[in-house]
Amino acid sequence: MGWLIYNHTPPCIRDEIARLCGGEDEERRSYPVLISRKGSVWYAAVRSEPKTAGRREDGLCPYGDYVTDATGGYVFAAIFLTSTKGGGWGYKSMAETAGPTDAAAHAPEKLLSLLSETVNDHATDWRQRCRDHAAREKRPLKPGDVIRFAEPLRFSDGTEGCTFRVKKERFAGANRATTFFTCIETGKDCRISRVMARDWTRI
């Protein structure tokens, strides 16, 4: 599915995401169990269940991607990329079985724990990437630590580096201390965006 753009921003985006997750047809109904947000990406654990309770003989959902419970119901992850521009609002939705990119793989563990067992490789991979990202973001990082990135970082002046020392300093006029890094290879101080989400190890 592509982007759907509104000419206005919903009064409550969470409520709009909840509305988009709900629905029913002649055979099934769906509704959100938990909704979470990371930046401009929204994640929802959505329950789908048959109107007439009963599990299929193979124990899977109608699409064959999830193991259902005794009622024939299951919970899957829905992902909504969102954007706000010029007073409007838009979203692009997808299921975890579509294999969302790393930028859309930051669902929290409490949401992942609600999802039904899946036999879909894309969904399995996405869930693991979410857990990997969560583990990276929990790593402690303190002044004096030396970290090495899996791949060199290239800066605007053309220099590159893999190994950096963590520094923290409160500059004049600032309300709080700023974290920055000294590149071991070049000796230059720098800032590193999204450092906790990147692939590095402490040495």
N, C-alpha and C. Protein backbone atom coordinates (compact mmCIF):
# COMPACT_ATOMS: atom_id res chain seq x y z
N MET A 1 0.85 -1.19 0.00
CA MET A 1 0.00 0.00 0.00
C MET A 1 0.88 1.24 0.00
N GLY A 2 0.51 2.27 -0.78
CA GLY A 2 1.26 3.51 -0.82
C GLY A 2 0.81 4.46 0.28
N TRP A 3 1.25 5.72 0.16
CA TRP A 3 0.91 6.72 1.16
C TRP A 3 -0.51 7.24 0.94
N LEU A 4 -1.22 7.43 2.05
CA LEU A 4 -2.53 8.07 2.02
C LEU A 4 -2.40 9.39 2.77
N ILE A 5 -2.70 10.50 2.08
CA ILE A 5 -2.50 11.83 2.65
C ILE A 5 -3.85 12.47 2.98
N TYR A 6 -3.98 12.97 4.21
CA TYR A 6 -5.16 13.75 4.63
C TYR A 6 -4.85 15.23 4.38
N ASN A 7 -5.88 16.04 4.22
CA ASN A 7 -5.66 17.48 4.09
C ASN A 7 -5.70 18.17 5.45
N HIS A 8 -5.71 17.38 6.51
CA HIS A 8 -5.67 17.92 7.87
C HIS A 8 -4.98 16.89 8.77
N THR A 9 -4.55 17.34 9.92
CA THR A 9 -3.95 16.43 10.90
C THR A 9 -5.03 15.99 11.88
N PRO A 10 -5.20 14.69 12.10
CA PRO A 10 -6.22 14.22 13.04
C PRO A 10 -6.02 14.84 14.43
N PRO A 11 -7.10 15.14 15.15
CA PRO A 11 -6.98 15.71 16.50
C PRO A 11 -6.12 14.84 17.42
N CYS A 12 -6.26 13.52 17.30
CA CYS A 12 -5.46 12.59 18.09
C CYS A 12 -4.97 11.48 17.16
N ILE A 13 -3.68 11.48 16.88
CA ILE A 13 -3.14 10.50 15.94
C ILE A 13 -3.26 9.09 16.48
N ARG A 14 -3.09 8.92 17.79
CA ARG A 14 -3.25 7.58 18.39
C ARG A 14 -4.65 7.04 18.12
N ASP A 15 -5.66 7.88 18.28
CA ASP A 15 -7.03 7.44 18.03
C ASP A 15 -7.22 7.09 16.56
N GLU A 16 -6.57 7.83 15.67
CA GLU A 16 -6.68 7.54 14.25
C GLU A 16 -6.02 6.21 13.91
N ILE A 17 -4.86 5.94 14.51
CA ILE A 17 -4.20 4.65 14.31
C ILE A 17 -5.10 3.53 14.81
N ALA A 18 -5.73 3.73 15.96
CA ALA A 18 -6.64 2.71 16.50
C ALA A 18 -7.81 2.47 15.55
N ARG A 19 -8.33 3.53 14.97
CA ARG A 19 -9.44 3.38 14.02
C ARG A 19 -9.01 2.59 12.80
N LEU A 20 -7.81 2.88 12.32
CA LEU A 20 -7.31 2.19 11.13
C LEU A 20 -7.07 0.71 11.39
N CYS A 21 -6.80 0.36 12.64
CA CYS A 21 -6.55 -1.04 12.99
C CYS A 21 -7.82 -1.85 13.15
N GLY A 22 -8.94 -1.18 13.32
CA GLY A 22 -10.20 -1.89 13.55
C GLY A 22 -10.96 -2.16 12.27
N GLY A 23 -11.90 -3.03 12.35
CA GLY A 23 -12.73 -3.31 11.18
C GLY A 23 -13.31 -4.71 11.24
N GLU A 24 -14.22 -4.99 10.34
CA GLU A 24 -14.80 -6.32 10.27
C GLU A 24 -15.42 -6.56 8.90
N ASP A 25 -15.52 -7.83 8.57
CA ASP A 25 -16.24 -8.23 7.36
C ASP A 25 -17.19 -9.34 7.75
N GLU A 26 -17.66 -10.12 6.81
CA GLU A 26 -18.65 -11.15 7.12
C GLU A 26 -18.08 -12.26 8.00
N GLU A 27 -16.77 -12.45 7.95
CA GLU A 27 -16.18 -13.58 8.66
C GLU A 27 -15.35 -13.21 9.89
N ARG A 28 -14.67 -12.03 9.88
CA ARG A 28 -13.74 -11.72 10.96
C ARG A 28 -13.87 -10.28 11.41
N ARG A 29 -13.35 -10.03 12.61
CA ARG A 29 -13.25 -8.67 13.14
C ARG A 29 -11.84 -8.46 13.66
N SER A 30 -11.41 -7.21 13.69
CA SER A 30 -10.07 -6.90 14.20
C SER A 30 -10.12 -5.64 15.05
N TYR A 31 -9.20 -5.55 16.01
CA TYR A 31 -9.12 -4.38 16.88
C TYR A 31 -7.72 -4.32 17.50
N PRO A 32 -7.25 -3.12 17.84
CA PRO A 32 -5.91 -2.99 18.43
C PRO A 32 -5.89 -3.44 19.89
N VAL A 33 -4.81 -4.12 20.24
CA VAL A 33 -4.60 -4.55 21.62
C VAL A 33 -3.64 -3.60 22.33
N LEU A 34 -2.63 -3.13 21.60
CA LEU A 34 -1.65 -2.19 22.15
C LEU A 34 -1.10 -1.34 21.00
N ILE A 35 -0.94 -0.05 21.27
CA ILE A 35 -0.39 0.88 20.27
C ILE A 35 0.82 1.58 20.89
N SER A 36 1.90 1.68 20.13
CA SER A 36 3.12 2.31 20.62
C SER A 36 3.70 3.17 19.50
N ARG A 37 4.52 4.16 19.88
CA ARG A 37 5.12 5.06 18.88
C ARG A 37 6.61 5.20 19.13
N LYS A 38 7.38 5.24 18.07
CA LYS A 38 8.81 5.53 18.12
C LYS A 38 9.08 6.55 17.02
N GLY A 39 9.27 7.81 17.40
CA GLY A 39 9.45 8.86 16.41
C GLY A 39 8.17 9.04 15.61
N SER A 40 8.26 8.97 14.30
CA SER A 40 7.09 9.13 13.44
C SER A 40 6.50 7.79 13.02
N VAL A 41 7.00 6.70 13.59
CA VAL A 41 6.50 5.37 13.25
C VAL A 41 5.64 4.84 14.40
N TRP A 42 4.45 4.38 14.05
CA TRP A 42 3.52 3.81 15.02
C TRP A 42 3.46 2.30 14.84
N TYR A 43 3.38 1.60 15.97
CA TYR A 43 3.28 0.14 15.96
C TYR A 43 2.02 -0.28 16.69
N ALA A 44 1.35 -1.28 16.17
CA ALA A 44 0.12 -1.76 16.81
C ALA A 44 0.11 -3.28 16.82
N ALA A 45 -0.27 -3.84 17.97
CA ALA A 45 -0.56 -5.26 18.06
C ALA A 45 -2.07 -5.38 17.81
N VAL A 46 -2.43 -6.05 16.75
CA VAL A 46 -3.82 -6.10 16.31
C VAL A 46 -4.35 -7.54 16.42
N ARG A 47 -5.48 -7.68 17.07
CA ARG A 47 -6.09 -9.01 17.17
C ARG A 47 -7.13 -9.20 16.07
N SER A 48 -7.03 -10.31 15.39
CA SER A 48 -8.01 -10.70 14.37
C SER A 48 -8.67 -11.99 14.84
N GLU A 49 -9.98 -12.01 14.83
CA GLU A 49 -10.67 -13.20 15.30
C GLU A 49 -11.92 -13.46 14.47
N PRO A 50 -12.28 -14.74 14.32
CA PRO A 50 -13.47 -15.08 13.54
C PRO A 50 -14.74 -14.74 14.31
N LYS A 51 -15.80 -14.43 13.59
CA LYS A 51 -17.06 -14.13 14.26
C LYS A 51 -17.68 -15.40 14.83
N THR A 52 -17.38 -16.51 14.21
CA THR A 52 -17.80 -17.80 14.74
C THR A 52 -16.55 -18.52 15.22
N ALA A 53 -16.42 -18.67 16.54
CA ALA A 53 -15.20 -19.23 17.11
C ALA A 53 -14.95 -20.63 16.58
N GLY A 54 -13.70 -20.89 16.31
CA GLY A 54 -13.32 -22.21 15.83
C GLY A 54 -11.98 -22.16 15.14
N ARG A 55 -11.16 -23.17 15.43
CA ARG A 55 -9.81 -23.21 14.87
C ARG A 55 -9.76 -24.12 13.65
N ARG A 56 -9.03 -23.70 12.63
CA ARG A 56 -8.86 -24.53 11.45
C ARG A 56 -8.05 -25.78 11.80
N GLU A 57 -8.18 -26.79 10.98
CA GLU A 57 -7.50 -28.05 11.25
C GLU A 57 -5.98 -27.89 11.28
N ASP A 58 -5.43 -27.00 10.44
CA ASP A 58 -3.98 -26.82 10.42
C ASP A 58 -3.49 -25.89 11.52
N GLY A 59 -4.41 -25.28 12.29
CA GLY A 59 -4.04 -24.41 13.39
C GLY A 59 -3.53 -23.06 12.99
N LEU A 60 -3.62 -22.74 11.69
CA LEU A 60 -3.10 -21.47 11.20
C LEU A 60 -4.22 -20.51 10.83
N CYS A 61 -3.87 -19.23 10.70
CA CYS A 61 -4.83 -18.23 10.28
C CYS A 61 -5.17 -18.42 8.80
N PRO A 62 -6.20 -17.76 8.29
CA PRO A 62 -6.59 -17.94 6.87
C PRO A 62 -5.47 -17.67 5.87
N TYR A 63 -4.51 -16.80 6.23
CA TYR A 63 -3.41 -16.50 5.32
C TYR A 63 -2.21 -17.44 5.50
N GLY A 64 -2.27 -18.27 6.54
CA GLY A 64 -1.21 -19.24 6.77
C GLY A 64 0.03 -18.70 7.43
N ASP A 65 -0.04 -17.48 8.01
CA ASP A 65 1.15 -16.85 8.57
C ASP A 65 1.27 -16.97 10.09
N TYR A 66 0.15 -17.20 10.79
CA TYR A 66 0.15 -17.20 12.24
C TYR A 66 -0.51 -18.44 12.81
N VAL A 67 -0.03 -18.85 13.98
CA VAL A 67 -0.66 -19.93 14.72
C VAL A 67 -1.78 -19.32 15.55
N THR A 68 -2.97 -19.85 15.43
CA THR A 68 -4.13 -19.29 16.11
C THR A 68 -4.36 -19.97 17.47
N ASP A 69 -5.17 -19.31 18.29
CA ASP A 69 -5.55 -19.91 19.57
C ASP A 69 -6.79 -20.77 19.38
N ALA A 70 -7.37 -21.24 20.48
CA ALA A 70 -8.50 -22.18 20.41
C ALA A 70 -9.72 -21.57 19.73
N THR A 71 -9.83 -20.24 19.73
CA THR A 71 -10.98 -19.59 19.11
C THR A 71 -10.77 -19.33 17.62
N GLY A 72 -9.53 -19.52 17.15
CA GLY A 72 -9.20 -19.18 15.77
C GLY A 72 -8.66 -17.78 15.63
N GLY A 73 -8.46 -17.09 16.75
CA GLY A 73 -7.95 -15.74 16.72
C GLY A 73 -6.43 -15.69 16.80
N TYR A 74 -5.86 -14.57 16.43
CA TYR A 74 -4.41 -14.38 16.50
C TYR A 74 -4.11 -12.89 16.57
N VAL A 75 -2.88 -12.56 16.97
CA VAL A 75 -2.45 -11.17 17.09
C VAL A 75 -1.23 -10.95 16.20
N PHE A 76 -1.29 -9.93 15.37
CA PHE A 76 -0.18 -9.62 14.47
C PHE A 76 0.24 -8.16 14.66
N ALA A 77 1.38 -7.81 14.09
CA ALA A 77 1.88 -6.44 14.20
C ALA A 77 1.58 -5.65 12.94
N ALA A 78 1.06 -4.45 13.12
CA ALA A 78 0.84 -3.51 12.02
C ALA A 78 1.76 -2.32 12.24
N ILE A 79 2.33 -1.81 11.17
CA ILE A 79 3.28 -0.70 11.24
C ILE A 79 2.75 0.45 10.40
N PHE A 80 2.82 1.66 10.95
CA PHE A 80 2.34 2.86 10.24
C PHE A 80 3.46 3.89 10.19
N LEU A 81 3.96 4.14 8.99
CA LEU A 81 4.87 5.26 8.79
C LEU A 81 4.02 6.51 8.65
N THR A 82 4.36 7.59 9.34
CA THR A 82 3.54 8.80 9.28
C THR A 82 4.38 10.01 8.93
N SER A 83 3.71 11.03 8.39
CA SER A 83 4.39 12.26 8.00
C SER A 83 3.42 13.43 8.14
N THR A 84 3.92 14.54 8.64
CA THR A 84 3.12 15.76 8.78
C THR A 84 3.79 16.88 7.99
N LYS A 85 3.08 17.39 6.99
CA LYS A 85 3.64 18.46 6.16
C LYS A 85 2.54 19.44 5.74
N GLY A 86 2.84 20.70 5.81
CA GLY A 86 1.93 21.72 5.32
C GLY A 86 0.53 21.67 5.89
N GLY A 87 0.42 21.29 7.15
CA GLY A 87 -0.88 21.22 7.80
C GLY A 87 -1.63 19.92 7.54
N GLY A 88 -1.09 19.07 6.67
CA GLY A 88 -1.71 17.78 6.40
C GLY A 88 -1.01 16.67 7.14
N TRP A 89 -1.53 15.50 7.00
CA TRP A 89 -0.98 14.32 7.67
C TRP A 89 -1.18 13.12 6.78
N GLY A 90 -0.21 12.22 6.77
CA GLY A 90 -0.34 11.04 5.93
C GLY A 90 0.28 9.82 6.59
N TYR A 91 -0.08 8.66 6.07
CA TYR A 91 0.47 7.43 6.62
C TYR A 91 0.64 6.38 5.52
N LYS A 92 1.53 5.46 5.79
CA LYS A 92 1.71 4.28 4.95
C LYS A 92 1.70 3.08 5.89
N SER A 93 0.78 2.17 5.68
CA SER A 93 0.65 1.04 6.59
C SER A 93 1.18 -0.24 5.96
N MET A 94 1.61 -1.14 6.82
CA MET A 94 2.07 -2.45 6.37
C MET A 94 1.99 -3.42 7.55
N ALA A 95 1.95 -4.69 7.24
CA ALA A 95 2.00 -5.72 8.27
C ALA A 95 3.44 -6.17 8.44
N GLU A 96 3.74 -6.80 9.55
CA GLU A 96 5.10 -7.29 9.79
C GLU A 96 5.52 -8.32 8.74
N THR A 97 4.56 -8.99 8.12
CA THR A 97 4.87 -9.99 7.09
C THR A 97 5.39 -9.35 5.81
N ALA A 98 5.30 -8.02 5.69
CA ALA A 98 5.82 -7.33 4.51
C ALA A 98 7.32 -7.08 4.62
N GLY A 99 7.91 -7.39 5.78
CA GLY A 99 9.34 -7.17 5.96
C GLY A 99 9.72 -5.72 6.05
N PRO A 100 9.19 -4.96 7.02
CA PRO A 100 9.53 -3.53 7.15
C PRO A 100 11.04 -3.31 7.25
N THR A 101 11.49 -2.14 6.82
CA THR A 101 12.90 -1.81 6.87
C THR A 101 13.36 -1.60 8.31
N ASP A 102 14.68 -1.45 8.50
CA ASP A 102 15.22 -1.25 9.83
C ASP A 102 14.68 0.01 10.49
N ALA A 103 14.39 1.03 9.69
CA ALA A 103 13.85 2.28 10.25
C ALA A 103 12.49 2.06 10.89
N ALA A 104 11.80 0.99 10.49
CA ALA A 104 10.48 0.68 11.03
C ALA A 104 10.53 -0.63 11.82
N ALA A 105 11.66 -0.87 12.48
CA ALA A 105 11.82 -2.10 13.27
C ALA A 105 12.26 -1.75 14.69
N HIS A 106 11.43 -0.90 15.35
CA HIS A 106 11.74 -0.47 16.71
C HIS A 106 10.55 -0.68 17.64
N ALA A 107 9.74 -1.69 17.36
CA ALA A 107 8.61 -1.99 18.25
C ALA A 107 9.13 -2.44 19.60
N PRO A 108 8.49 -2.02 20.70
CA PRO A 108 8.96 -2.40 22.04
C PRO A 108 8.66 -3.86 22.37
N GLU A 109 9.41 -4.39 23.31
CA GLU A 109 9.26 -5.80 23.70
C GLU A 109 7.85 -6.09 24.23
N LYS A 110 7.25 -5.12 24.94
CA LYS A 110 5.92 -5.36 25.49
C LYS A 110 4.90 -5.59 24.38
N LEU A 111 5.10 -4.97 23.22
CA LEU A 111 4.22 -5.20 22.08
C LEU A 111 4.55 -6.54 21.41
N LEU A 112 5.83 -6.82 21.24
CA LEU A 112 6.23 -8.09 20.61
C LEU A 112 5.73 -9.28 21.41
N SER A 113 5.70 -9.14 22.74
CA SER A 113 5.28 -10.26 23.59
C SER A 113 3.80 -10.62 23.42
N LEU A 114 3.02 -9.71 22.84
CA LEU A 114 1.59 -9.96 22.64
C LEU A 114 1.30 -10.68 21.33
N LEU A 115 2.28 -10.74 20.43
CA LEU A 115 2.04 -11.28 19.10
C LEU A 115 1.97 -12.80 19.09
N SER A 116 1.14 -13.32 18.23
CA SER A 116 1.02 -14.77 18.09
C SER A 116 2.25 -15.35 17.41
N GLU A 117 2.48 -16.62 17.65
CA GLU A 117 3.59 -17.30 16.98
C GLU A 117 3.38 -17.22 15.47
N THR A 118 4.46 -16.96 14.75
CA THR A 118 4.36 -16.83 13.30
C THR A 118 5.23 -17.86 12.59
N VAL A 119 4.80 -18.25 11.41
CA VAL A 119 5.60 -19.14 10.57
C VAL A 119 6.08 -18.38 9.33
N ASN A 120 5.89 -17.08 9.32
CA ASN A 120 6.30 -16.24 8.21
C ASN A 120 7.73 -15.76 8.43
N ASP A 121 8.61 -15.99 7.49
CA ASP A 121 10.02 -15.64 7.64
C ASP A 121 10.23 -14.13 7.78
N HIS A 122 9.49 -13.32 7.02
CA HIS A 122 9.63 -11.86 7.10
C HIS A 122 9.24 -11.36 8.49
N ALA A 123 8.16 -11.89 9.05
CA ALA A 123 7.72 -11.46 10.37
C ALA A 123 8.72 -11.89 11.44
N THR A 124 9.24 -13.11 11.32
CA THR A 124 10.23 -13.60 12.28
C THR A 124 11.47 -12.72 12.26
N ASP A 125 11.94 -12.38 11.06
CA ASP A 125 13.12 -11.52 10.92
C ASP A 125 12.87 -10.14 11.48
N TRP A 126 11.69 -9.57 11.20
CA TRP A 126 11.35 -8.23 11.70
C TRP A 126 11.34 -8.21 13.22
N ARG A 127 10.75 -9.22 13.85
CA ARG A 127 10.69 -9.27 15.31
C ARG A 127 12.10 -9.33 15.91
N GLN A 128 12.98 -10.11 15.29
CA GLN A 128 14.34 -10.22 15.80
C GLN A 128 15.08 -8.90 15.65
N ARG A 129 14.86 -8.20 14.54
CA ARG A 129 15.51 -6.90 14.35
C ARG A 129 15.02 -5.89 15.38
N CYS A 130 13.75 -5.95 15.72
CA CYS A 130 13.22 -5.08 16.78
C CYS A 130 13.93 -5.36 18.10
N ARG A 131 14.11 -6.63 18.42
CA ARG A 131 14.78 -7.00 19.67
C ARG A 131 16.25 -6.59 19.64
N ASP A 132 16.89 -6.75 18.48
CA ASP A 132 18.30 -6.34 18.35
C ASP A 132 18.45 -4.84 18.55
N HIS A 133 17.55 -4.06 17.97
CA HIS A 133 17.61 -2.60 18.13
C HIS A 133 17.40 -2.21 19.59
N ALA A 134 16.46 -2.89 20.26
CA ALA A 134 16.19 -2.58 21.67
C ALA A 134 17.42 -2.87 22.52
N ALA A 135 18.10 -3.98 22.21
CA ALA A 135 19.30 -4.34 22.97
C ALA A 135 20.40 -3.30 22.76
N ARG A 136 20.54 -2.80 21.53
CA ARG A 136 21.56 -1.77 21.27
C ARG A 136 21.28 -0.50 22.07
N GLU A 137 20.03 -0.10 22.10
CA GLU A 137 19.67 1.16 22.74
C GLU A 137 19.79 1.09 24.27
N LYS A 138 19.86 -0.12 24.82
CA LYS A 138 20.00 -0.28 26.27
C LYS A 138 21.46 -0.31 26.72
N ARG A 139 22.40 -0.36 25.77
CA ARG A 139 23.81 -0.43 26.15
C ARG A 139 24.23 0.83 26.89
N PRO A 140 24.92 0.68 28.02
CA PRO A 140 25.40 1.87 28.73
C PRO A 140 26.54 2.52 27.97
N LEU A 141 26.57 3.85 28.01
CA LEU A 141 27.62 4.60 27.33
C LEU A 141 28.01 5.76 28.23
N LYS A 142 29.24 5.75 28.73
CA LYS A 142 29.67 6.78 29.67
C LYS A 142 30.98 7.41 29.24
N PRO A 143 31.26 8.62 29.72
CA PRO A 143 32.50 9.30 29.36
C PRO A 143 33.72 8.43 29.65
N GLY A 144 34.65 8.42 28.71
CA GLY A 144 35.85 7.61 28.86
C GLY A 144 35.78 6.29 28.11
N ASP A 145 34.58 5.82 27.80
CA ASP A 145 34.44 4.59 27.03
C ASP A 145 35.04 4.75 25.64
N VAL A 146 35.61 3.68 25.12
CA VAL A 146 36.10 3.66 23.75
C VAL A 146 35.27 2.64 22.98
N ILE A 147 34.68 3.07 21.88
CA ILE A 147 33.81 2.19 21.10
C ILE A 147 34.34 2.08 19.67
N ARG A 148 34.07 0.93 19.07
CA ARG A 148 34.50 0.70 17.69
C ARG A 148 33.29 0.29 16.86
N PHE A 149 33.08 0.97 15.75
CA PHE A 149 31.96 0.70 14.85
C PHE A 149 32.32 -0.41 13.87
N ALA A 150 31.29 -1.17 13.50
CA ALA A 150 31.50 -2.29 12.58
C ALA A 150 31.96 -1.80 11.22
N GLU A 151 31.54 -0.60 10.83
CA GLU A 151 31.94 -0.01 9.55
C GLU A 151 32.41 1.42 9.80
N PRO A 152 33.39 1.90 9.03
CA PRO A 152 33.90 3.26 9.24
C PRO A 152 32.80 4.31 9.07
N LEU A 153 32.87 5.36 9.87
CA LEU A 153 31.97 6.50 9.73
C LEU A 153 32.69 7.56 8.90
N ARG A 154 31.99 8.09 7.91
CA ARG A 154 32.58 9.11 7.05
C ARG A 154 31.97 10.46 7.38
N PHE A 155 32.81 11.48 7.54
CA PHE A 155 32.35 12.80 7.95
C PHE A 155 32.40 13.79 6.78
N SER A 156 31.81 14.95 7.00
CA SER A 156 31.65 15.91 5.91
C SER A 156 32.98 16.45 5.38
N ASP A 157 34.05 16.37 6.19
CA ASP A 157 35.35 16.85 5.71
C ASP A 157 36.12 15.77 4.96
N GLY A 158 35.49 14.61 4.77
CA GLY A 158 36.11 13.53 4.03
C GLY A 158 36.87 12.52 4.87
N THR A 159 37.05 12.80 6.16
CA THR A 159 37.77 11.86 7.03
C THR A 159 36.87 10.70 7.44
N GLU A 160 37.51 9.60 7.83
CA GLU A 160 36.78 8.42 8.27
C GLU A 160 37.38 7.90 9.57
N GLY A 161 36.57 7.21 10.33
CA GLY A 161 37.07 6.62 11.57
C GLY A 161 36.17 5.51 12.05
N CYS A 162 36.76 4.55 12.76
CA CYS A 162 36.00 3.44 13.32
C CYS A 162 35.98 3.47 14.85
N THR A 163 37.01 4.09 15.45
CA THR A 163 37.18 4.01 16.90
C THR A 163 37.08 5.40 17.52
N PHE A 164 36.29 5.51 18.58
CA PHE A 164 36.01 6.82 19.17
C PHE A 164 36.00 6.73 20.70
N ARG A 165 36.44 7.80 21.33
CA ARG A 165 36.36 7.91 22.78
C ARG A 165 35.18 8.82 23.13
N VAL A 166 34.39 8.39 24.10
CA VAL A 166 33.20 9.14 24.51
C VAL A 166 33.60 10.26 25.47
N LYS A 167 33.10 11.45 25.20
CA LYS A 167 33.35 12.59 26.07
C LYS A 167 32.03 13.29 26.40
N LYS A 168 32.02 13.96 27.52
CA LYS A 168 30.83 14.71 27.92
C LYS A 168 31.27 15.99 28.60
N GLU A 169 30.70 17.10 28.17
CA GLU A 169 31.12 18.39 28.69
C GLU A 169 29.96 19.37 28.67
N ARG A 170 29.90 20.19 29.69
CA ARG A 170 28.88 21.24 29.73
C ARG A 170 29.51 22.54 29.26
N PHE A 171 29.10 22.98 28.09
CA PHE A 171 29.68 24.18 27.51
C PHE A 171 29.02 25.44 28.08
N ALA A 172 29.71 26.54 27.99
CA ALA A 172 29.21 27.81 28.53
C ALA A 172 27.86 28.16 27.93
N GLY A 173 26.90 28.49 28.79
CA GLY A 173 25.57 28.88 28.33
C GLY A 173 24.62 27.73 28.12
N ALA A 174 25.12 26.49 28.20
CA ALA A 174 24.27 25.31 27.98
C ALA A 174 23.61 24.90 29.29
N ASN A 175 22.39 24.39 29.18
CA ASN A 175 21.67 23.94 30.36
C ASN A 175 22.09 22.56 30.83
N ARG A 176 22.66 21.78 29.93
CA ARG A 176 23.08 20.43 30.31
C ARG A 176 24.32 20.03 29.51
N ALA A 177 24.95 18.98 29.96
CA ALA A 177 26.18 18.51 29.32
C ALA A 177 25.89 17.90 27.95
N THR A 178 26.84 18.03 27.06
CA THR A 178 26.73 17.51 25.71
C THR A 178 27.67 16.32 25.54
N THR A 179 27.15 15.24 24.95
CA THR A 179 27.98 14.08 24.65
C THR A 179 28.56 14.24 23.25
N PHE A 180 29.87 14.07 23.14
CA PHE A 180 30.51 14.11 21.83
C PHE A 180 31.61 13.05 21.82
N PHE A 181 32.33 12.95 20.72
CA PHE A 181 33.28 11.85 20.56
C PHE A 181 34.59 12.36 19.97
N THR A 182 35.69 11.74 20.36
CA THR A 182 36.98 12.01 19.76
C THR A 182 37.39 10.80 18.94
N CYS A 183 37.65 11.03 17.66
CA CYS A 183 38.06 9.95 16.77
C CYS A 183 39.51 9.56 17.08
N ILE A 184 39.74 8.33 17.43
CA ILE A 184 41.09 7.86 17.77
C ILE A 184 42.02 7.96 16.56
N GLU A 185 41.48 7.66 15.37
CA GLU A 185 42.31 7.67 14.16
C GLU A 185 42.76 9.08 13.75
N THR A 186 41.90 10.07 13.92
CA THR A 186 42.22 11.43 13.44
C THR A 186 42.46 12.44 14.55
N GLY A 187 42.00 12.13 15.76
CA GLY A 187 42.14 13.06 16.88
C GLY A 187 41.10 14.16 16.89
N LYS A 188 40.17 14.14 15.94
CA LYS A 188 39.16 15.19 15.84
C LYS A 188 37.93 14.89 16.70
N ASP A 189 37.36 15.95 17.28
CA ASP A 189 36.10 15.82 18.00
C ASP A 189 34.94 15.87 17.02
N CYS A 190 33.88 15.16 17.33
CA CYS A 190 32.74 15.11 16.41
C CYS A 190 31.48 14.71 17.15
N ARG A 191 30.37 14.87 16.50
CA ARG A 191 29.07 14.37 16.96
C ARG A 191 28.68 13.19 16.09
N ILE A 192 28.02 12.20 16.66
CA ILE A 192 27.58 11.02 15.91
C ILE A 192 26.08 10.87 16.08
N SER A 193 25.35 11.00 14.99
CA SER A 193 23.90 10.90 15.07
C SER A 193 23.47 9.44 15.29
N ARG A 194 22.36 9.26 16.00
CA ARG A 194 21.77 7.93 16.25
C ARG A 194 22.80 6.93 16.76
N VAL A 195 23.68 7.37 17.63
CA VAL A 195 24.78 6.50 18.05
C VAL A 195 24.29 5.22 18.72
N MET A 196 23.21 5.29 19.50
CA MET A 196 22.75 4.10 20.21
C MET A 196 22.13 3.06 19.28
N ALA A 197 21.69 3.50 18.12
CA ALA A 197 21.08 2.57 17.17
C ALA A 197 22.10 1.93 16.25
N ARG A 198 23.34 2.40 16.28
CA ARG A 198 24.36 1.90 15.37
C ARG A 198 25.03 0.64 15.91
N ASP A 199 25.74 -0.04 15.01
CA ASP A 199 26.41 -1.28 15.36
C ASP A 199 27.83 -0.98 15.83
N TRP A 200 28.04 -1.01 17.17
CA TRP A 200 29.36 -0.79 17.72
C TRP A 200 29.57 -1.68 18.94
N THR A 201 30.83 -1.83 19.30
CA THR A 201 31.18 -2.59 20.51
C THR A 201 32.13 -1.77 21.35
N ARG A 202 32.09 -1.99 22.65
CA ARG A 202 33.00 -1.30 23.57
C ARG A 202 34.32 -2.08 23.63
N ILE A 203 35.44 -1.36 23.60
CA ILE A 203 36.74 -2.03 23.65
C ILE A 203 37.57 -1.51 24.83
